All heavy atoms as atom14 arrays in JSON, in Angstrom:
{
  "sequence": "FNALVIIVLIPLALRGVRYRPSSASTLLRRNLLIY",
  "atom14_mask": [
    [1, 1, 1, 1, 1, 1, 1, 1, 1, 1, 1, 0, 0, 0],
    [1, 1, 1, 1, 1, 1, 1, 1, 0, 0, 0, 0, 0, 0],
    [1, 1, 1, 1, 1, 0, 0, 0, 0, 0, 0, 0, 0, 0],
    [1, 1, 1, 1, 1, 1, 1, 1, 0, 0, 0, 0, 0, 0],
    [1, 1, 1, 1, 1, 1, 1, 0, 0, 0, 0, 0, 0, 0],
    [1, 1, 1, 1, 1, 1, 1, 1, 0, 0, 0, 0, 0, 0],
    [1, 1, 1, 1, 1, 1, 1, 1, 0, 0, 0, 0, 0, 0],
    [1, 1, 1, 1, 1, 1, 1, 0, 0, 0, 0, 0, 0, 0],
    [1, 1, 1, 1, 1, 1, 1, 1, 0, 0, 0, 0, 0, 0],
    [1, 1, 1, 1, 1, 1, 1, 1, 0, 0, 0, 0, 0, 0],
    [1, 1, 1, 1, 1, 1, 1, 0, 0, 0, 0, 0, 0, 0],
    [1, 1, 1, 1, 1, 1, 1, 1, 0, 0, 0, 0, 0, 0],
    [1, 1, 1, 1, 1, 0, 0, 0, 0, 0, 0, 0, 0, 0],
    [1, 1, 1, 1, 1, 1, 1, 1, 0, 0, 0, 0, 0, 0],
    [1, 1, 1, 1, 1, 1, 1, 1, 1, 1, 1, 0, 0, 0],
    [1, 1, 1, 1, 0, 0, 0, 0, 0, 0, 0, 0, 0, 0],
    [1, 1, 1, 1, 1, 1, 1, 0, 0, 0, 0, 0, 0, 0],
    [1, 1, 1, 1, 1, 1, 1, 1, 1, 1, 1, 0, 0, 0],
    [1, 1, 1, 1, 1, 1, 1, 1, 1, 1, 1, 1, 0, 0],
    [1, 1, 1, 1, 1, 1, 1, 1, 1, 1, 1, 0, 0, 0],
    [1, 1, 1, 1, 1, 1, 1, 0, 0, 0, 0, 0, 0, 0],
    [1, 1, 1, 1, 1, 1, 0, 0, 0, 0, 0, 0, 0, 0],
    [1, 1, 1, 1, 1, 1, 0, 0, 0, 0, 0, 0, 0, 0],
    [1, 1, 1, 1, 1, 0, 0, 0, 0, 0, 0, 0, 0, 0],
    [1, 1, 1, 1, 1, 1, 0, 0, 0, 0, 0, 0, 0, 0],
    [1, 1, 1, 1, 1, 1, 1, 0, 0, 0, 0, 0, 0, 0],
    [1, 1, 1, 1, 1, 1, 1, 1, 0, 0, 0, 0, 0, 0],
    [1, 1, 1, 1, 1, 1, 1, 1, 0, 0, 0, 0, 0, 0],
    [1, 1, 1, 1, 1, 1, 1, 1, 1, 1, 1, 0, 0, 0],
    [1, 1, 1, 1, 1, 1, 1, 1, 1, 1, 1, 0, 0, 0],
    [1, 1, 1, 1, 1, 1, 1, 1, 0, 0, 0, 0, 0, 0],
    [1, 1, 1, 1, 1, 1, 1, 1, 0, 0, 0, 0, 0, 0],
    [1, 1, 1, 1, 1, 1, 1, 1, 0, 0, 0, 0, 0, 0],
    [1, 1, 1, 1, 1, 1, 1, 1, 0, 0, 0, 0, 0, 0],
    [1, 1, 1, 1, 1, 1, 1, 1, 1, 1, 1, 1, 0, 0]
  ],
  "atom14_positions": [
    [[14.67, -5.64, -11.84], [13.7, -5.56, -10.74], [13.08, -4.17, -10.68], [11.86, -4.03, -10.47], [14.38, -5.88, -9.41], [13.47, -5.68, -8.22], [12.6, -6.68, -7.83], [13.46, -4.47, -7.51], [11.74, -6.49, -6.76], [12.61, -4.28, -6.45], [11.75, -5.3, -6.07], [0.0, 0.0, 0.0], [0.0, 0.0, 0.0], [0.0, 0.0, 0.0]],
    [[13.89, -3.15, -10.87], [13.41, -1.77, -10.81], [12.31, -1.52, -11.85], [11.39, -0.73, -11.6], [14.58, -0.81, -11.05], [14.29, 0.59, -10.61], [14.02, 0.84, -9.43], [14.33, 1.54, -11.54], [0.0, 0.0, 0.0], [0.0, 0.0, 0.0], [0.0, 0.0, 0.0], [0.0, 0.0, 0.0], [0.0, 0.0, 0.0], [0.0, 0.0, 0.0]],
    [[12.4, -2.2, -13.0], [11.37, -2.05, -14.04], [10.15, -2.92, -13.74], [9.01, -2.46, -13.84], [11.96, -2.42, -15.4], [0.0, 0.0, 0.0], [0.0, 0.0, 0.0], [0.0, 0.0, 0.0], [0.0, 0.0, 0.0], [0.0, 0.0, 0.0], [0.0, 0.0, 0.0], [0.0, 0.0, 0.0], [0.0, 0.0, 0.0], [0.0, 0.0, 0.0]],
    [[10.37, -4.18, -13.36], [9.26, -5.1, -13.18], [8.37, -4.73, -12.01], [7.16, -4.99, -12.03], [9.79, -6.53, -12.99], [10.46, -7.17, -14.21], [10.93, -8.58, -13.87], [9.5, -7.21, -15.39], [0.0, 0.0, 0.0], [0.0, 0.0, 0.0], [0.0, 0.0, 0.0], [0.0, 0.0, 0.0], [0.0, 0.0, 0.0], [0.0, 0.0, 0.0]],
    [[8.96, -4.12, -10.96], [8.15, -3.79, -9.79], [7.07, -2.77, -10.14], [6.01, -2.72, -9.52], [9.05, -3.28, -8.64], [9.55, -1.86, -8.91], [8.29, -3.32, -7.31], [0.0, 0.0, 0.0], [0.0, 0.0, 0.0], [0.0, 0.0, 0.0], [0.0, 0.0, 0.0], [0.0, 0.0, 0.0], [0.0, 0.0, 0.0], [0.0, 0.0, 0.0]],
    [[7.31, -1.95, -11.17], [6.29, -0.98, -11.61], [5.07, -1.72, -12.13], [3.92, -1.42, -11.77], [6.87, -0.04, -12.68], [8.0, 0.81, -12.09], [5.77, 0.86, -13.26], [8.74, 1.63, -13.13], [0.0, 0.0, 0.0], [0.0, 0.0, 0.0], [0.0, 0.0, 0.0], [0.0, 0.0, 0.0], [0.0, 0.0, 0.0], [0.0, 0.0, 0.0]],
    [[5.31, -2.72, -13.0], [4.21, -3.51, -13.56], [3.45, -4.23, -12.45], [2.22, -4.28, -12.45], [4.75, -4.52, -14.58], [5.17, -3.81, -15.87], [3.71, -5.59, -14.91], [4.01, -3.24, -16.65], [0.0, 0.0, 0.0], [0.0, 0.0, 0.0], [0.0, 0.0, 0.0], [0.0, 0.0, 0.0], [0.0, 0.0, 0.0], [0.0, 0.0, 0.0]],
    [[4.2, -4.8, -11.5], [3.57, -5.55, -10.41], [2.66, -4.65, -9.58], [1.6, -5.09, -9.1], [4.66, -6.2, -9.53], [4.04, -6.82, -8.28], [5.42, -7.25, -10.32], [0.0, 0.0, 0.0], [0.0, 0.0, 0.0], [0.0, 0.0, 0.0], [0.0, 0.0, 0.0], [0.0, 0.0, 0.0], [0.0, 0.0, 0.0], [0.0, 0.0, 0.0]],
    [[3.03, -3.38, -9.4], [2.28, -2.48, -8.53], [1.17, -1.71, -9.24], [0.4, -1.01, -8.58], [3.24, -1.48, -7.86], [4.2, -2.06, -6.83], [5.15, -0.99, -6.32], [3.44, -2.69, -5.67], [0.0, 0.0, 0.0], [0.0, 0.0, 0.0], [0.0, 0.0, 0.0], [0.0, 0.0, 0.0], [0.0, 0.0, 0.0], [0.0, 0.0, 0.0]],
    [[1.08, -1.83, -10.57], [0.02, -1.11, -11.29], [-1.38, -1.49, -10.77], [-2.2, -0.61, -10.51], [0.13, -1.34, -12.81], [1.3, -0.54, -13.37], [-1.17, -0.91, -13.51], [1.53, -0.75, -14.87], [0.0, 0.0, 0.0], [0.0, 0.0, 0.0], [0.0, 0.0, 0.0], [0.0, 0.0, 0.0], [0.0, 0.0, 0.0], [0.0, 0.0, 0.0]],
    [[-1.71, -2.79, -10.58], [-3.05, -3.11, -10.07], [-3.33, -2.46, -8.72], [-4.45, -1.99, -8.49], [-3.01, -4.65, -9.96], [-1.98, -5.08, -10.94], [-0.94, -4.01, -10.91], [0.0, 0.0, 0.0], [0.0, 0.0, 0.0], [0.0, 0.0, 0.0], [0.0, 0.0, 0.0], [0.0, 0.0, 0.0], [0.0, 0.0, 0.0], [0.0, 0.0, 0.0]],
    [[-2.33, -2.42, -7.83], [-2.53, -1.81, -6.52], [-2.75, -0.3, -6.65], [-3.59, 0.28, -5.96], [-1.34, -2.09, -5.61], [-1.44, -1.56, -4.18], [-2.63, -2.17, -3.46], [-0.15, -1.85, -3.41], [0.0, 0.0, 0.0], [0.0, 0.0, 0.0], [0.0, 0.0, 0.0], [0.0, 0.0, 0.0], [0.0, 0.0, 0.0], [0.0, 0.0, 0.0]],
    [[-2.0, 0.34, -7.55], [-2.16, 1.78, -7.75], [-3.55, 2.1, -8.29], [-4.15, 3.12, -7.92], [-1.09, 2.3, -8.71], [0.0, 0.0, 0.0], [0.0, 0.0, 0.0], [0.0, 0.0, 0.0], [0.0, 0.0, 0.0], [0.0, 0.0, 0.0], [0.0, 0.0, 0.0], [0.0, 0.0, 0.0], [0.0, 0.0, 0.0], [0.0, 0.0, 0.0]],
    [[-4.09, 1.25, -9.16], [-5.41, 1.5, -9.74], [-6.53, 1.15, -8.78], [-7.51, 1.88, -8.67], [-5.57, 0.68, -11.03], [-4.59, 0.98, -12.17], [-4.91, 0.12, -13.37], [-4.62, 2.45, -12.54], [0.0, 0.0, 0.0], [0.0, 0.0, 0.0], [0.0, 0.0, 0.0], [0.0, 0.0, 0.0], [0.0, 0.0, 0.0], [0.0, 0.0, 0.0]],
    [[-6.38, 0.04, -8.09], [-7.43, -0.4, -7.16], [-7.4, 0.41, -5.88], [-8.44, 0.69, -5.26], [-7.23, -1.89, -6.87], [-8.34, -2.5, -6.02], [-8.1, -3.99, -5.81], [-6.87, -4.26, -5.08], [-5.78, -4.8, -5.6], [-5.75, -5.12, -6.88], [-4.71, -5.01, -4.87], [0.0, 0.0, 0.0], [0.0, 0.0, 0.0], [0.0, 0.0, 0.0]],
    [[-6.21, 0.82, -5.46], [-6.06, 1.54, -4.21], [-5.82, 0.6, -3.05], [-6.31, -0.54, -3.04], [0.0, 0.0, 0.0], [0.0, 0.0, 0.0], [0.0, 0.0, 0.0], [0.0, 0.0, 0.0], [0.0, 0.0, 0.0], [0.0, 0.0, 0.0], [0.0, 0.0, 0.0], [0.0, 0.0, 0.0], [0.0, 0.0, 0.0], [0.0, 0.0, 0.0]],
    [[-5.05, 1.06, -2.09], [-4.83, 0.27, -0.88], [-6.14, 0.18, -0.11], [-6.84, 1.19, 0.06], [-3.74, 0.93, -0.01], [-3.59, 0.2, 1.32], [-2.41, 0.94, -0.76], [0.0, 0.0, 0.0], [0.0, 0.0, 0.0], [0.0, 0.0, 0.0], [0.0, 0.0, 0.0], [0.0, 0.0, 0.0], [0.0, 0.0, 0.0], [0.0, 0.0, 0.0]],
    [[-6.47, -0.98, 0.33], [-7.74, -1.17, 1.05], [-7.76, -0.3, 2.3], [-6.82, -0.31, 3.1], [-7.92, -2.63, 1.43], [-9.26, -2.91, 2.1], [-9.42, -4.38, 2.44], [-10.69, -4.63, 3.12], [-11.03, -5.81, 3.61], [-10.22, -6.85, 3.48], [-12.2, -5.96, 4.22], [0.0, 0.0, 0.0], [0.0, 0.0, 0.0], [0.0, 0.0, 0.0]],
    [[-8.85, 0.43, 2.44], [-8.97, 1.33, 3.59], [-9.82, 0.71, 4.68], [-10.94, 0.25, 4.42], [-9.57, 2.67, 3.16], [-9.85, 3.57, 4.34], [-8.81, 4.12, 5.07], [-11.16, 3.84, 4.73], [-9.06, 4.91, 6.17], [-11.42, 4.64, 5.82], [-10.37, 5.18, 6.54], [-10.62, 5.96, 7.63], [0.0, 0.0, 0.0], [0.0, 0.0, 0.0]],
    [[-9.3, 0.69, 5.89], [-10.05, 0.23, 7.05], [-10.13, 1.39, 8.04], [-9.09, 1.96, 8.39], [-9.37, -0.96, 7.73], [-9.24, -2.2, 6.86], [-8.63, -3.34, 7.66], [-8.43, -4.54, 6.85], [-7.33, -4.8, 6.17], [-6.32, -3.93, 6.19], [-7.22, -5.9, 5.45], [0.0, 0.0, 0.0], [0.0, 0.0, 0.0], [0.0, 0.0, 0.0]],
    [[-11.33, 1.76, 8.48], [-11.44, 2.88, 9.43], [-10.63, 2.61, 10.69], [-10.8, 1.59, 11.36], [-12.94, 2.91, 9.75], [-13.59, 2.28, 8.56], [-12.63, 1.21, 8.1], [0.0, 0.0, 0.0], [0.0, 0.0, 0.0], [0.0, 0.0, 0.0], [0.0, 0.0, 0.0], [0.0, 0.0, 0.0], [0.0, 0.0, 0.0], [0.0, 0.0, 0.0]],
    [[-9.7, 3.49, 10.98], [-8.86, 3.36, 12.17], [-8.17, 4.68, 12.43], [-8.25, 5.61, 11.62], [-7.83, 2.23, 11.98], [-7.05, 2.46, 10.81], [0.0, 0.0, 0.0], [0.0, 0.0, 0.0], [0.0, 0.0, 0.0], [0.0, 0.0, 0.0], [0.0, 0.0, 0.0], [0.0, 0.0, 0.0], [0.0, 0.0, 0.0], [0.0, 0.0, 0.0]],
    [[-7.48, 4.76, 13.53], [-6.8, 6.0, 13.9], [-5.56, 6.21, 13.04], [-5.06, 5.28, 12.39], [-6.41, 5.95, 15.38], [-5.46, 4.91, 15.59], [0.0, 0.0, 0.0], [0.0, 0.0, 0.0], [0.0, 0.0, 0.0], [0.0, 0.0, 0.0], [0.0, 0.0, 0.0], [0.0, 0.0, 0.0], [0.0, 0.0, 0.0], [0.0, 0.0, 0.0]],
    [[-5.05, 7.45, 13.08], [-3.87, 7.78, 12.28], [-2.66, 6.96, 12.72], [-1.86, 6.52, 11.88], [-3.58, 9.27, 12.41], [0.0, 0.0, 0.0], [0.0, 0.0, 0.0], [0.0, 0.0, 0.0], [0.0, 0.0, 0.0], [0.0, 0.0, 0.0], [0.0, 0.0, 0.0], [0.0, 0.0, 0.0], [0.0, 0.0, 0.0], [0.0, 0.0, 0.0]],
    [[-2.52, 6.74, 14.03], [-1.37, 5.97, 14.51], [-1.44, 4.52, 14.05], [-0.42, 3.92, 13.69], [-1.31, 6.02, 16.05], [-2.5, 5.51, 16.61], [0.0, 0.0, 0.0], [0.0, 0.0, 0.0], [0.0, 0.0, 0.0], [0.0, 0.0, 0.0], [0.0, 0.0, 0.0], [0.0, 0.0, 0.0], [0.0, 0.0, 0.0], [0.0, 0.0, 0.0]],
    [[-2.66, 3.95, 14.0], [-2.82, 2.58, 13.53], [-2.48, 2.49, 12.04], [-1.82, 1.55, 11.59], [-4.25, 2.09, 13.77], [-4.54, 2.17, 15.17], [-4.42, 0.65, 13.3], [0.0, 0.0, 0.0], [0.0, 0.0, 0.0], [0.0, 0.0, 0.0], [0.0, 0.0, 0.0], [0.0, 0.0, 0.0], [0.0, 0.0, 0.0], [0.0, 0.0, 0.0]],
    [[-2.94, 3.47, 11.27], [-2.64, 3.49, 9.85], [-1.14, 3.61, 9.6], [-0.59, 2.96, 8.71], [-3.36, 4.66, 9.17], [-4.87, 4.5, 8.96], [-5.46, 5.81, 8.41], [-5.17, 3.36, 8.0], [0.0, 0.0, 0.0], [0.0, 0.0, 0.0], [0.0, 0.0, 0.0], [0.0, 0.0, 0.0], [0.0, 0.0, 0.0], [0.0, 0.0, 0.0]],
    [[-0.48, 4.42, 10.41], [0.97, 4.6, 10.25], [1.71, 3.3, 10.54], [2.62, 2.91, 9.8], [1.46, 5.72, 11.17], [2.96, 6.0, 11.13], [3.4, 6.41, 9.74], [3.33, 7.07, 12.16], [0.0, 0.0, 0.0], [0.0, 0.0, 0.0], [0.0, 0.0, 0.0], [0.0, 0.0, 0.0], [0.0, 0.0, 0.0], [0.0, 0.0, 0.0]],
    [[1.33, 2.62, 11.62], [1.98, 1.34, 11.97], [1.77, 0.32, 10.86], [2.7, -0.4, 10.47], [1.43, 0.81, 13.29], [1.93, 1.53, 14.52], [1.67, 0.7, 15.78], [0.26, 0.45, 15.96], [-0.57, 1.24, 16.64], [-0.1, 2.36, 17.18], [-1.85, 0.94, 16.77], [0.0, 0.0, 0.0], [0.0, 0.0, 0.0], [0.0, 0.0, 0.0]],
    [[0.54, 0.26, 10.33], [0.25, -0.69, 9.25], [1.05, -0.35, 8.0], [1.59, -1.23, 7.33], [-1.25, -0.65, 8.96], [-1.69, -1.53, 7.8], [-3.21, -1.61, 7.76], [-3.67, -2.23, 6.53], [-4.1, -1.57, 5.47], [-4.13, -0.25, 5.49], [-4.52, -2.21, 4.4], [0.0, 0.0, 0.0], [0.0, 0.0, 0.0], [0.0, 0.0, 0.0]],
    [[1.17, 0.93, 7.72], [1.9, 1.37, 6.55], [3.38, 0.98, 6.65], [3.98, 0.46, 5.71], [1.75, 2.89, 6.4], [2.38, 3.41, 5.12], [2.3, 2.78, 4.08], [3.01, 4.55, 5.2], [0.0, 0.0, 0.0], [0.0, 0.0, 0.0], [0.0, 0.0, 0.0], [0.0, 0.0, 0.0], [0.0, 0.0, 0.0], [0.0, 0.0, 0.0]],
    [[3.96, 1.23, 7.83], [5.38, 0.92, 8.01], [5.64, -0.59, 8.01], [6.65, -1.06, 7.48], [5.87, 1.53, 9.32], [5.93, 3.07, 9.36], [6.35, 3.55, 10.74], [6.88, 3.6, 8.3], [0.0, 0.0, 0.0], [0.0, 0.0, 0.0], [0.0, 0.0, 0.0], [0.0, 0.0, 0.0], [0.0, 0.0, 0.0], [0.0, 0.0, 0.0]],
    [[4.71, -1.34, 8.6], [4.9, -2.78, 8.69], [4.77, -3.45, 7.33], [5.63, -4.26, 6.93], [3.88, -3.39, 9.66], [3.94, -4.91, 9.85], [5.28, -5.31, 10.45], [2.79, -5.39, 10.73], [0.0, 0.0, 0.0], [0.0, 0.0, 0.0], [0.0, 0.0, 0.0], [0.0, 0.0, 0.0], [0.0, 0.0, 0.0], [0.0, 0.0, 0.0]],
    [[3.7, -3.11, 6.59], [3.44, -3.79, 5.32], [4.29, -3.22, 4.19], [4.97, -3.95, 3.46], [1.95, -3.7, 4.97], [1.11, -4.43, 6.02], [1.69, -4.3, 3.58], [-0.38, -4.34, 5.81], [0.0, 0.0, 0.0], [0.0, 0.0, 0.0], [0.0, 0.0, 0.0], [0.0, 0.0, 0.0], [0.0, 0.0, 0.0], [0.0, 0.0, 0.0]],
    [[4.26, -1.89, 4.05], [4.92, -1.29, 2.88], [6.34, -0.81, 3.18], [7.14, -0.68, 2.26], [4.07, -0.14, 2.35], [2.72, -0.62, 1.89], [1.6, -0.5, 2.72], [2.57, -1.23, 0.67], [0.36, -0.98, 2.31], [1.34, -1.72, 0.25], [0.25, -1.59, 1.08], [-0.96, -2.08, 0.68], [0.0, 0.0, 0.0], [0.0, 0.0, 0.0]]
  ]
}
């Protein structure tokens, strides 16, 4: 799993996490909830 998760996350690392304009606190909550 430790190896495969790298391959799975390569598209996200290249594309970037989708950015939605919002406050820092909202971004932090979203970050903790999803990731």
